[in-house]
N, C-alpha and C. Protein backbone atom coordinates (compact mmCIF):
# COMPACT_ATOMS: atom_id res chain seq x y z
N MET A 1 25.24 128.48 119.13
CA MET A 1 23.86 128.81 119.40
C MET A 1 23.24 129.61 118.26
N ALA A 2 23.99 130.56 117.71
CA ALA A 2 23.45 131.36 116.60
C ALA A 2 23.24 130.50 115.36
N GLY A 3 24.10 129.52 115.14
CA GLY A 3 23.94 128.65 113.98
C GLY A 3 22.68 127.83 114.07
N GLU A 4 22.33 127.37 115.28
CA GLU A 4 21.11 126.59 115.46
C GLU A 4 19.87 127.44 115.20
N ALA A 5 19.88 128.66 115.69
CA ALA A 5 18.74 129.56 115.44
C ALA A 5 18.63 129.89 113.97
N GLN A 6 19.76 130.04 113.30
CA GLN A 6 19.73 130.35 111.86
C GLN A 6 19.20 129.17 111.07
N ARG A 7 19.59 127.94 111.43
CA ARG A 7 19.08 126.76 110.74
C ARG A 7 17.58 126.61 110.96
N ARG A 8 17.12 126.89 112.17
CA ARG A 8 15.70 126.78 112.47
C ARG A 8 14.87 127.77 111.66
N SER A 9 15.43 128.92 111.35
CA SER A 9 14.67 129.94 110.64
C SER A 9 14.59 129.66 109.13
N GLN A 10 15.22 128.61 108.66
CA GLN A 10 15.18 128.31 107.23
C GLN A 10 14.13 127.26 106.87
N TRP A 11 13.28 126.87 107.83
CA TRP A 11 12.29 125.85 107.52
C TRP A 11 11.28 126.28 106.45
N PRO A 12 10.89 127.57 106.34
CA PRO A 12 9.94 127.92 105.26
C PRO A 12 10.53 127.68 103.87
N LEU A 13 11.79 128.04 103.69
CA LEU A 13 12.44 127.81 102.40
C LEU A 13 12.60 126.32 102.14
N ALA A 14 13.00 125.57 103.16
CA ALA A 14 13.19 124.13 103.00
C ALA A 14 11.87 123.44 102.65
N LEU A 15 10.79 123.85 103.28
CA LEU A 15 9.48 123.25 102.98
C LEU A 15 9.05 123.57 101.55
N SER A 16 9.23 124.82 101.14
CA SER A 16 8.88 125.20 99.77
C SER A 16 9.72 124.44 98.74
N LEU A 17 11.00 124.30 99.03
CA LEU A 17 11.87 123.57 98.10
C LEU A 17 11.53 122.09 98.05
N LEU A 18 11.12 121.51 99.18
CA LEU A 18 10.72 120.10 99.19
C LEU A 18 9.48 119.87 98.33
N VAL A 19 8.51 120.77 98.44
CA VAL A 19 7.30 120.65 97.60
C VAL A 19 7.66 120.88 96.13
N ALA A 20 8.54 121.84 95.86
CA ALA A 20 8.96 122.09 94.48
C ALA A 20 9.70 120.88 93.90
N LEU A 21 10.54 120.26 94.70
CA LEU A 21 11.25 119.07 94.24
C LEU A 21 10.28 117.93 93.97
N THR A 22 9.26 117.80 94.80
CA THR A 22 8.22 116.80 94.57
C THR A 22 7.52 117.06 93.23
N GLY A 23 7.23 118.32 92.96
CA GLY A 23 6.62 118.67 91.68
C GLY A 23 7.51 118.34 90.50
N LEU A 24 8.81 118.58 90.65
CA LEU A 24 9.73 118.26 89.55
C LEU A 24 9.85 116.75 89.34
N VAL A 25 9.80 115.97 90.42
CA VAL A 25 9.84 114.51 90.28
C VAL A 25 8.57 114.02 89.57
N VAL A 26 7.43 114.54 89.98
CA VAL A 26 6.17 114.17 89.32
C VAL A 26 6.21 114.59 87.86
N LEU A 27 6.71 115.78 87.58
CA LEU A 27 6.81 116.28 86.22
C LEU A 27 7.69 115.37 85.37
N TRP A 28 8.81 114.94 85.90
CA TRP A 28 9.78 114.16 85.14
C TRP A 28 9.32 112.72 84.92
N PHE A 29 8.77 112.08 85.96
CA PHE A 29 8.51 110.65 85.89
C PHE A 29 7.05 110.27 85.63
N TYR A 30 6.11 111.15 85.89
CA TYR A 30 4.70 110.77 85.80
C TYR A 30 3.95 111.64 84.80
N ASN A 31 3.37 112.72 85.26
CA ASN A 31 2.53 113.54 84.41
C ASN A 31 3.04 114.98 84.49
N TRP A 32 3.40 115.56 83.36
CA TRP A 32 4.02 116.89 83.38
C TRP A 32 3.07 117.96 83.90
N ARG A 33 1.77 117.85 83.56
CA ARG A 33 0.83 118.87 83.98
C ARG A 33 0.64 118.87 85.49
N ASN A 34 0.51 117.69 86.09
CA ASN A 34 0.39 117.61 87.54
C ASN A 34 1.67 118.11 88.22
N GLY A 35 2.81 117.81 87.65
CA GLY A 35 4.07 118.28 88.20
C GLY A 35 4.18 119.79 88.17
N VAL A 36 3.75 120.39 87.08
CA VAL A 36 3.77 121.85 86.97
C VAL A 36 2.83 122.47 87.99
N LEU A 37 1.67 121.88 88.20
CA LEU A 37 0.72 122.42 89.17
C LEU A 37 1.23 122.27 90.60
N ILE A 38 1.91 121.17 90.89
CA ILE A 38 2.52 121.02 92.22
C ILE A 38 3.63 122.04 92.40
N PHE A 39 4.42 122.25 91.35
CA PHE A 39 5.48 123.26 91.42
C PHE A 39 4.89 124.65 91.65
N ALA A 40 3.81 124.96 90.95
CA ALA A 40 3.13 126.25 91.17
C ALA A 40 2.61 126.35 92.60
N GLY A 41 2.14 125.24 93.13
CA GLY A 41 1.69 125.22 94.52
C GLY A 41 2.83 125.49 95.49
N ALA A 42 4.02 125.02 95.15
CA ALA A 42 5.19 125.28 96.00
C ALA A 42 5.54 126.76 96.01
N VAL A 43 5.45 127.40 94.86
CA VAL A 43 5.73 128.84 94.79
C VAL A 43 4.63 129.60 95.54
N GLY A 44 3.39 129.16 95.40
CA GLY A 44 2.29 129.78 96.14
C GLY A 44 2.44 129.58 97.64
N LEU A 45 2.90 128.40 98.05
CA LEU A 45 3.17 128.15 99.46
C LEU A 45 4.23 129.10 100.00
N ALA A 46 5.28 129.31 99.21
CA ALA A 46 6.31 130.26 99.61
C ALA A 46 5.73 131.66 99.78
N GLY A 47 4.82 132.03 98.89
CA GLY A 47 4.17 133.34 98.99
C GLY A 47 3.30 133.46 100.24
N VAL A 48 2.57 132.42 100.54
CA VAL A 48 1.72 132.44 101.74
C VAL A 48 2.57 132.47 103.00
N LEU A 49 3.64 131.67 103.01
CA LEU A 49 4.53 131.69 104.17
C LEU A 49 5.18 133.06 104.35
N ARG A 50 5.57 133.67 103.25
CA ARG A 50 6.18 135.00 103.35
C ARG A 50 5.19 136.03 103.86
N ALA A 51 3.92 135.87 103.50
CA ALA A 51 2.91 136.82 103.94
C ALA A 51 2.58 136.66 105.42
N THR A 52 2.66 135.44 105.94
CA THR A 52 2.22 135.19 107.30
C THR A 52 3.33 135.24 108.33
N LEU A 53 4.56 134.99 107.94
CA LEU A 53 5.66 134.93 108.90
C LEU A 53 6.34 136.29 109.04
N THR A 54 6.97 136.50 110.18
CA THR A 54 7.75 137.72 110.37
C THR A 54 9.00 137.67 109.50
N ASP A 55 9.68 138.80 109.39
CA ASP A 55 10.88 138.84 108.55
C ASP A 55 11.96 137.88 109.03
N THR A 56 12.16 137.79 110.33
CA THR A 56 13.19 136.88 110.83
C THR A 56 12.76 135.43 110.72
N ALA A 57 11.47 135.14 110.91
CA ALA A 57 10.99 133.76 110.80
C ALA A 57 10.96 133.29 109.35
N ALA A 58 10.82 134.19 108.41
CA ALA A 58 10.76 133.81 106.99
C ALA A 58 12.10 133.36 106.46
N GLY A 59 13.18 133.74 107.12
CA GLY A 59 14.51 133.30 106.70
C GLY A 59 14.86 133.82 105.32
N LEU A 60 15.29 132.92 104.44
CA LEU A 60 15.72 133.32 103.10
C LEU A 60 14.56 133.64 102.17
N LEU A 61 13.33 133.43 102.61
CA LEU A 61 12.20 133.91 101.81
C LEU A 61 12.08 135.42 101.87
N HIS A 62 12.74 136.02 102.84
CA HIS A 62 12.76 137.47 102.98
C HIS A 62 13.84 138.03 102.05
N VAL A 63 13.41 138.63 100.94
CA VAL A 63 14.35 139.20 99.98
C VAL A 63 14.19 140.71 99.95
N ARG A 64 13.01 141.18 99.72
CA ARG A 64 12.70 142.61 99.71
C ARG A 64 11.69 142.87 100.81
N GLY A 65 10.77 143.75 100.58
CA GLY A 65 9.70 143.99 101.55
C GLY A 65 8.67 142.87 101.50
N ARG A 66 7.90 142.75 102.55
CA ARG A 66 6.90 141.68 102.63
C ARG A 66 5.89 141.77 101.49
N MET A 67 5.42 142.98 101.19
CA MET A 67 4.42 143.15 100.14
C MET A 67 4.98 142.76 98.77
N PHE A 68 6.20 143.18 98.48
CA PHE A 68 6.81 142.84 97.20
C PHE A 68 7.02 141.34 97.07
N ASP A 69 7.62 140.74 98.11
CA ASP A 69 7.88 139.29 98.06
C ASP A 69 6.59 138.50 97.89
N THR A 70 5.58 138.83 98.67
CA THR A 70 4.31 138.11 98.61
C THR A 70 3.65 138.27 97.25
N THR A 71 3.59 139.50 96.77
CA THR A 71 2.96 139.76 95.48
C THR A 71 3.69 139.04 94.36
N PHE A 72 5.01 139.13 94.36
CA PHE A 72 5.80 138.49 93.31
C PHE A 72 5.63 136.98 93.33
N LEU A 73 5.70 136.36 94.50
CA LEU A 73 5.58 134.90 94.58
C LEU A 73 4.18 134.44 94.18
N LEU A 74 3.15 135.13 94.64
CA LEU A 74 1.79 134.70 94.31
C LEU A 74 1.45 134.93 92.84
N LEU A 75 1.92 136.03 92.26
CA LEU A 75 1.70 136.25 90.82
C LEU A 75 2.47 135.23 89.98
N THR A 76 3.68 134.89 90.41
CA THR A 76 4.46 133.88 89.70
C THR A 76 3.78 132.52 89.79
N ALA A 77 3.27 132.16 90.97
CA ALA A 77 2.55 130.89 91.12
C ALA A 77 1.31 130.85 90.23
N THR A 78 0.59 131.96 90.18
CA THR A 78 -0.60 132.03 89.33
C THR A 78 -0.24 131.88 87.86
N ALA A 79 0.82 132.56 87.42
CA ALA A 79 1.24 132.47 86.02
C ALA A 79 1.67 131.05 85.66
N ILE A 80 2.43 130.40 86.54
CA ILE A 80 2.87 129.03 86.28
C ILE A 80 1.66 128.10 86.19
N ALA A 81 0.71 128.26 87.11
CA ALA A 81 -0.48 127.40 87.11
C ALA A 81 -1.31 127.61 85.86
N ILE A 82 -1.51 128.86 85.47
CA ILE A 82 -2.30 129.14 84.26
C ILE A 82 -1.61 128.58 83.02
N LEU A 83 -0.32 128.78 82.92
CA LEU A 83 0.40 128.22 81.77
C LEU A 83 0.37 126.70 81.77
N GLY A 84 0.46 126.11 82.95
CA GLY A 84 0.37 124.65 83.03
C GLY A 84 -0.98 124.12 82.63
N LEU A 85 -2.02 124.92 82.82
CA LEU A 85 -3.37 124.47 82.47
C LEU A 85 -3.73 124.73 80.99
N ILE A 86 -3.17 125.80 80.41
CA ILE A 86 -3.61 126.13 79.05
C ILE A 86 -2.72 125.57 77.94
N VAL A 87 -1.52 125.12 78.29
CA VAL A 87 -0.64 124.57 77.25
C VAL A 87 -1.20 123.21 76.85
N PRO A 88 -1.40 122.99 75.55
CA PRO A 88 -1.96 121.70 75.12
C PRO A 88 -0.94 120.57 75.26
N ASN A 89 -1.47 119.37 75.31
CA ASN A 89 -0.59 118.19 75.39
C ASN A 89 0.15 118.05 74.10
């Protein structure tokens, strides 16, 4: 029973990783800039999920305090997106 509850609480991380993997596939096979922006969106999604979910519901997205995790993930997503937009082809 505890294993099932633990697996259920990992959906935020799994969703973020699925979007990040999609971004890496787009980056590798199609357009690198769109892939980087999708990857940045995945990190931003993780930040939003960490901000809105409780500590137990966030699962492995819970690393430090909610404020630190959210700030770090959203700033990282912003930096990745900005770099993806300003780097020339």
